Amino acid sequence: MVLCLDTKNQIKREIVVFKGGLNSAEVHPREIMVEVLRVSANSFVLIHNHPSGNIEPSTNDLAFTKKMKKVGDLMGIRLINHLIVGDQSYWSAAEKRFI
């Protein structure tokens, strides 16, 4: 999911970009950024769940977060956070100072 935000960090639109399978979801940055651009968002937040309930990011999660930050930076659209939701808890890239 992506939250597209305005200049006051208010949600302009929330979009389910992709629904994954049991243990993976392959999303390309362009699929996210086309939605962010469509609403002229100033910034965005990525959110996905881990059905296992374990909120620790995978190596792929971390790599994707870094990639999306770079893409956003190149386009002048800030990635504010990437949240992973699990059983009654979450992991936040911003809180962990990963981005």
N, C-alpha and C. Protein backbone atom coordinates (compact mmCIF):
# COMPACT_ATOMS: atom_id res chain seq x y z
N MET A 1 0.85 -1.17 0.00
CA MET A 1 0.00 0.00 0.00
C MET A 1 0.89 1.23 0.00
N VAL A 2 0.41 2.29 -0.61
CA VAL A 2 1.12 3.57 -0.59
C VAL A 2 0.15 4.67 -0.16
N LEU A 3 0.63 5.51 0.75
CA LEU A 3 -0.11 6.70 1.14
C LEU A 3 0.54 7.87 0.43
N CYS A 4 -0.23 8.60 -0.34
CA CYS A 4 0.26 9.78 -1.05
C CYS A 4 -0.11 11.00 -0.20
N LEU A 5 0.89 11.81 0.10
CA LEU A 5 0.70 12.92 1.02
C LEU A 5 0.87 14.27 0.33
N ASP A 6 0.20 15.29 0.87
CA ASP A 6 0.36 16.65 0.36
C ASP A 6 1.48 17.35 1.12
N THR A 7 1.61 18.65 0.92
CA THR A 7 2.71 19.40 1.55
C THR A 7 2.58 19.52 3.07
N LYS A 8 1.39 19.25 3.60
CA LYS A 8 1.16 19.28 5.05
C LYS A 8 1.12 17.87 5.64
N ASN A 9 1.59 16.90 4.85
CA ASN A 9 1.59 15.49 5.23
C ASN A 9 0.19 14.94 5.53
N GLN A 10 -0.79 15.52 4.87
CA GLN A 10 -2.15 15.00 4.94
C GLN A 10 -2.32 13.99 3.81
N ILE A 11 -3.07 12.93 4.06
CA ILE A 11 -3.26 11.90 3.05
C ILE A 11 -4.15 12.41 1.92
N LYS A 12 -3.58 12.40 0.71
CA LYS A 12 -4.34 12.77 -0.49
C LYS A 12 -5.05 11.54 -1.05
N ARG A 13 -4.35 10.41 -0.94
CA ARG A 13 -4.91 9.16 -1.48
C ARG A 13 -4.18 7.98 -0.87
N GLU A 14 -4.90 6.92 -0.60
CA GLU A 14 -4.28 5.66 -0.19
C GLU A 14 -4.63 4.62 -1.24
N ILE A 15 -3.59 3.89 -1.66
CA ILE A 15 -3.75 2.99 -2.79
C ILE A 15 -3.15 1.63 -2.47
N VAL A 16 -3.91 0.59 -2.71
CA VAL A 16 -3.37 -0.76 -2.67
C VAL A 16 -2.73 -1.00 -4.03
N VAL A 17 -1.41 -1.04 -4.05
CA VAL A 17 -0.68 -1.16 -5.31
C VAL A 17 -0.62 -2.61 -5.76
N PHE A 18 -0.47 -3.51 -4.80
CA PHE A 18 -0.29 -4.91 -5.15
C PHE A 18 -0.70 -5.78 -3.99
N LYS A 19 -1.30 -6.91 -4.28
CA LYS A 19 -1.60 -7.93 -3.27
C LYS A 19 -0.71 -9.12 -3.56
N GLY A 20 0.09 -9.50 -2.58
CA GLY A 20 1.04 -10.58 -2.77
C GLY A 20 0.46 -11.94 -2.46
N GLY A 21 1.31 -12.94 -2.60
CA GLY A 21 0.94 -14.30 -2.28
C GLY A 21 1.22 -14.62 -0.82
N LEU A 22 1.35 -15.87 -0.54
CA LEU A 22 1.54 -16.32 0.83
C LEU A 22 2.82 -15.80 1.46
N ASN A 23 3.91 -15.78 0.70
CA ASN A 23 5.18 -15.37 1.32
C ASN A 23 5.99 -14.41 0.47
N SER A 24 5.37 -13.77 -0.52
CA SER A 24 6.12 -12.78 -1.28
C SER A 24 5.18 -11.90 -2.09
N ALA A 25 5.70 -10.72 -2.45
CA ALA A 25 4.98 -9.79 -3.33
C ALA A 25 6.04 -9.03 -4.10
N GLU A 26 5.98 -9.12 -5.40
CA GLU A 26 6.97 -8.44 -6.24
C GLU A 26 6.35 -7.16 -6.79
N VAL A 27 6.88 -6.03 -6.37
CA VAL A 27 6.39 -4.74 -6.82
C VAL A 27 7.55 -3.97 -7.42
N HIS A 28 7.31 -3.30 -8.53
CA HIS A 28 8.36 -2.50 -9.16
C HIS A 28 8.15 -1.04 -8.75
N PRO A 29 9.23 -0.30 -8.55
CA PRO A 29 9.10 1.11 -8.16
C PRO A 29 8.19 1.93 -9.07
N ARG A 30 8.18 1.64 -10.36
CA ARG A 30 7.35 2.43 -11.28
C ARG A 30 5.86 2.27 -10.96
N GLU A 31 5.46 1.08 -10.47
CA GLU A 31 4.06 0.86 -10.13
C GLU A 31 3.62 1.74 -8.97
N ILE A 32 4.54 2.02 -8.08
CA ILE A 32 4.26 2.90 -6.95
C ILE A 32 4.31 4.35 -7.39
N MET A 33 5.39 4.71 -8.09
CA MET A 33 5.59 6.12 -8.43
C MET A 33 4.55 6.64 -9.42
N VAL A 34 4.01 5.80 -10.28
CA VAL A 34 2.97 6.28 -11.19
C VAL A 34 1.75 6.73 -10.38
N GLU A 35 1.45 6.04 -9.29
CA GLU A 35 0.31 6.43 -8.44
C GLU A 35 0.63 7.71 -7.67
N VAL A 36 1.86 7.82 -7.19
CA VAL A 36 2.28 9.02 -6.46
C VAL A 36 2.21 10.24 -7.39
N LEU A 37 2.68 10.07 -8.61
CA LEU A 37 2.65 11.16 -9.58
C LEU A 37 1.23 11.52 -10.01
N ARG A 38 0.38 10.51 -10.11
CA ARG A 38 -1.00 10.71 -10.56
C ARG A 38 -1.73 11.74 -9.69
N VAL A 39 -1.42 11.77 -8.40
CA VAL A 39 -2.10 12.70 -7.49
C VAL A 39 -1.21 13.89 -7.11
N SER A 40 -0.09 14.03 -7.80
CA SER A 40 0.87 15.11 -7.52
C SER A 40 1.24 15.17 -6.05
N ALA A 41 1.58 14.01 -5.48
CA ALA A 41 1.94 13.94 -4.07
C ALA A 41 3.28 14.63 -3.81
N ASN A 42 3.39 15.22 -2.65
CA ASN A 42 4.63 15.84 -2.21
C ASN A 42 5.57 14.81 -1.58
N SER A 43 4.97 13.79 -0.97
CA SER A 43 5.73 12.73 -0.31
C SER A 43 4.86 11.49 -0.24
N PHE A 44 5.45 10.39 0.24
CA PHE A 44 4.68 9.14 0.30
C PHE A 44 5.19 8.24 1.43
N VAL A 45 4.33 7.32 1.82
CA VAL A 45 4.62 6.32 2.84
C VAL A 45 4.28 4.96 2.25
N LEU A 46 5.19 4.01 2.41
CA LEU A 46 4.93 2.64 1.98
C LEU A 46 4.48 1.82 3.19
N ILE A 47 3.56 0.91 2.98
CA ILE A 47 3.06 0.03 4.04
C ILE A 47 2.84 -1.35 3.45
N HIS A 48 3.31 -2.36 4.17
CA HIS A 48 2.93 -3.73 3.80
C HIS A 48 2.88 -4.58 5.04
N ASN A 49 2.21 -5.71 4.92
CA ASN A 49 2.08 -6.60 6.07
C ASN A 49 2.94 -7.84 5.91
N HIS A 50 3.22 -8.46 7.01
CA HIS A 50 3.86 -9.77 7.04
C HIS A 50 2.83 -10.73 7.65
N PRO A 51 2.21 -11.57 6.83
CA PRO A 51 1.18 -12.48 7.34
C PRO A 51 1.67 -13.38 8.47
N SER A 52 2.98 -13.63 8.53
CA SER A 52 3.52 -14.47 9.60
C SER A 52 3.40 -13.80 10.96
N GLY A 53 3.24 -12.46 10.94
CA GLY A 53 3.18 -11.71 12.19
C GLY A 53 4.54 -11.18 12.62
N ASN A 54 5.62 -11.72 12.05
CA ASN A 54 6.97 -11.29 12.37
C ASN A 54 7.24 -9.98 11.63
N ILE A 55 7.49 -8.91 12.37
CA ILE A 55 7.64 -7.59 11.76
C ILE A 55 9.06 -7.26 11.31
N GLU A 56 10.00 -8.13 11.57
CA GLU A 56 11.38 -7.85 11.16
C GLU A 56 11.47 -7.81 9.64
N PRO A 57 12.08 -6.76 9.10
CA PRO A 57 12.18 -6.66 7.64
C PRO A 57 13.14 -7.69 7.07
N SER A 58 12.77 -8.20 5.92
CA SER A 58 13.65 -9.13 5.21
C SER A 58 14.75 -8.32 4.51
N THR A 59 15.73 -9.02 4.00
CA THR A 59 16.78 -8.37 3.20
C THR A 59 16.15 -7.66 2.01
N ASN A 60 15.16 -8.30 1.39
CA ASN A 60 14.47 -7.69 0.25
C ASN A 60 13.69 -6.45 0.67
N ASP A 61 13.06 -6.48 1.85
CA ASP A 61 12.34 -5.31 2.35
C ASP A 61 13.28 -4.12 2.50
N LEU A 62 14.44 -4.37 3.09
CA LEU A 62 15.41 -3.30 3.32
C LEU A 62 15.95 -2.75 2.00
N ALA A 63 16.26 -3.65 1.08
CA ALA A 63 16.77 -3.22 -0.24
C ALA A 63 15.71 -2.41 -0.99
N PHE A 64 14.46 -2.85 -0.92
CA PHE A 64 13.39 -2.14 -1.60
C PHE A 64 13.18 -0.76 -1.00
N THR A 65 13.27 -0.66 0.31
CA THR A 65 13.13 0.63 0.98
C THR A 65 14.21 1.59 0.51
N LYS A 66 15.44 1.13 0.46
CA LYS A 66 16.54 1.99 -0.01
C LYS A 66 16.33 2.40 -1.47
N LYS A 67 15.88 1.46 -2.28
CA LYS A 67 15.64 1.75 -3.70
C LYS A 67 14.55 2.81 -3.83
N MET A 68 13.46 2.67 -3.08
CA MET A 68 12.36 3.62 -3.18
C MET A 68 12.77 5.00 -2.66
N LYS A 69 13.63 5.04 -1.67
CA LYS A 69 14.13 6.34 -1.19
C LYS A 69 14.93 7.02 -2.29
N LYS A 70 15.80 6.26 -2.96
CA LYS A 70 16.60 6.82 -4.05
C LYS A 70 15.71 7.31 -5.19
N VAL A 71 14.74 6.51 -5.57
CA VAL A 71 13.82 6.88 -6.65
C VAL A 71 13.07 8.16 -6.27
N GLY A 72 12.55 8.19 -5.06
CA GLY A 72 11.84 9.38 -4.60
C GLY A 72 12.74 10.61 -4.58
N ASP A 73 13.95 10.45 -4.07
CA ASP A 73 14.90 11.57 -4.03
C ASP A 73 15.18 12.09 -5.44
N LEU A 74 15.37 11.19 -6.39
CA LEU A 74 15.64 11.61 -7.77
C LEU A 74 14.47 12.38 -8.37
N MET A 75 13.27 12.03 -7.94
CA MET A 75 12.07 12.68 -8.49
C MET A 75 11.61 13.87 -7.66
N GLY A 76 12.27 14.11 -6.52
CA GLY A 76 11.87 15.21 -5.66
C GLY A 76 10.62 14.92 -4.85
N ILE A 77 10.37 13.64 -4.60
CA ILE A 77 9.19 13.21 -3.84
C ILE A 77 9.70 12.36 -2.68
N ARG A 78 9.58 12.86 -1.48
CA ARG A 78 10.21 12.25 -0.31
C ARG A 78 9.48 11.01 0.20
N LEU A 79 10.24 9.94 0.41
CA LEU A 79 9.73 8.77 1.12
C LEU A 79 9.84 9.07 2.60
N ILE A 80 8.71 9.19 3.26
CA ILE A 80 8.69 9.55 4.68
C ILE A 80 8.90 8.34 5.57
N ASN A 81 8.32 7.20 5.18
CA ASN A 81 8.43 6.01 6.02
C ASN A 81 8.07 4.77 5.20
N HIS A 82 8.52 3.63 5.69
CA HIS A 82 8.09 2.33 5.20
C HIS A 82 7.71 1.54 6.45
N LEU A 83 6.46 1.18 6.54
CA LEU A 83 5.94 0.45 7.69
C LEU A 83 5.68 -1.00 7.33
N ILE A 84 6.06 -1.89 8.23
CA ILE A 84 5.73 -3.31 8.11
C ILE A 84 4.83 -3.64 9.28
N VAL A 85 3.65 -4.16 8.98
CA VAL A 85 2.65 -4.45 10.00
C VAL A 85 2.59 -5.95 10.23
N GLY A 86 2.56 -6.33 11.51
CA GLY A 86 2.45 -7.74 11.90
C GLY A 86 1.39 -7.91 12.96
N ASP A 87 1.52 -8.93 13.78
CA ASP A 87 0.57 -9.19 14.86
C ASP A 87 0.70 -8.15 15.96
N GLN A 88 -0.25 -7.22 16.00
CA GLN A 88 -0.32 -6.22 17.07
C GLN A 88 0.94 -5.35 17.19
N SER A 89 1.74 -5.26 16.14
CA SER A 89 2.95 -4.44 16.20
C SER A 89 3.34 -4.01 14.79
N TYR A 90 4.36 -3.18 14.72
CA TYR A 90 4.83 -2.72 13.42
C TYR A 90 6.32 -2.41 13.50
N TRP A 91 6.94 -2.34 12.32
CA TRP A 91 8.33 -1.90 12.19
C TRP A 91 8.30 -0.64 11.34
N SER A 92 9.04 0.37 11.75
CA SER A 92 9.05 1.65 11.05
C SER A 92 10.48 1.98 10.62
N ALA A 93 10.69 2.14 9.32
CA ALA A 93 12.03 2.51 8.82
C ALA A 93 12.45 3.87 9.38
N ALA A 94 11.52 4.79 9.51
CA ALA A 94 11.86 6.12 10.03
C ALA A 94 12.23 6.05 11.51
N GLU A 95 11.46 5.32 12.30
CA GLU A 95 11.76 5.20 13.73
C GLU A 95 13.10 4.52 13.96
N LYS A 96 13.44 3.57 13.10
CA LYS A 96 14.71 2.85 13.23
C LYS A 96 15.85 3.63 12.57
N ARG A 97 15.52 4.81 12.05
CA ARG A 97 16.50 5.68 11.37
C ARG A 97 17.18 4.96 10.19
N PHE A 98 16.39 4.12 9.54
CA PHE A 98 16.88 3.41 8.36
C PHE A 98 16.83 4.32 7.14
N ILE A 99 15.86 5.23 7.15
CA ILE A 99 15.77 6.21 6.06
C ILE A 99 15.85 7.61 6.64
